[in-house]
Amino acid sequence: MVKLDILADPACPWCYVGKAYLIRALEQSGDHPFDIEWHPYQINPDLPLSGVDRAEYLETLFGSREAAAKAHVPLAEHAQAAGVTFDFEAIKRTPNTRDAHRLIHWAGLEGRQTPVVHAIFRAYWSEGRDIGQHSVLIDIAEKMGMDPAMVGRLLASDADIADIRDRQAHSRKMGVNSVPTFIVDHRYAVQGAQPTEVWINVIRELAEQAQTPSN
């Protein structure tokens, strides 16, 4: 198996697209070589834990609602190619994703990480749910087979907050300044939402390397 470390943020739309492209490649390749682990990276770690109004956030980020809408055009095109749906009108708040990252971490301990990641992305970008809210995260956890009572207790505590913060700081110190970032085999960094064809080629090259006898 080849380790594939993925740094992403559920509040990053390009991470949703990049994840979808990758999953399509894995499905098309069948017996892929990747052992996948998701790592926390908040693009807005200083947001209030309650989040902020989405319309105001976009206006501040892009300068106007018109500019924000224009920025969504290439995103929508890639989303269609990747097979994901964005419902921008349904999204009312931009969340602080600290607790979403904590849930992803706990899901990893149970071997449920990628399905939980997918459910969190879908809840926010396709359903307009506020993934900064504990009730939403608990509901996602329960639907993914996790213990909702346990997740609720953990979210209400300080469990793993320092760990999430330290891992993000380490990634930034190592030079990661944008997401999604994919690190293949602890050696090669692939940044951005790479099309499915790119990942199919990567998987093919890894398979060829594995079949080549070493001297």
Foldseek 3Di string as FASTA:
>chain_A
DKEKEWEDFLLDLQQLLLLLQLVVLCVVVPPFDYDYDYAYAWPCQPAPLVFAFPLVVLCVVQVHPVSSVVVCVVSVVSCVLSVHDFDPVLAGGRHNCLLVRVLLVVCVVVVQNVVLSNLSSCCCGVVNDHNSDLVVSLVSCVVSPHDSVVSSVCSVDCPCSVVNVVRNVVCVVVPDDDDGWMDIRVHDIDHTRDGNVVSNVVRVVVVVVVPDDDD
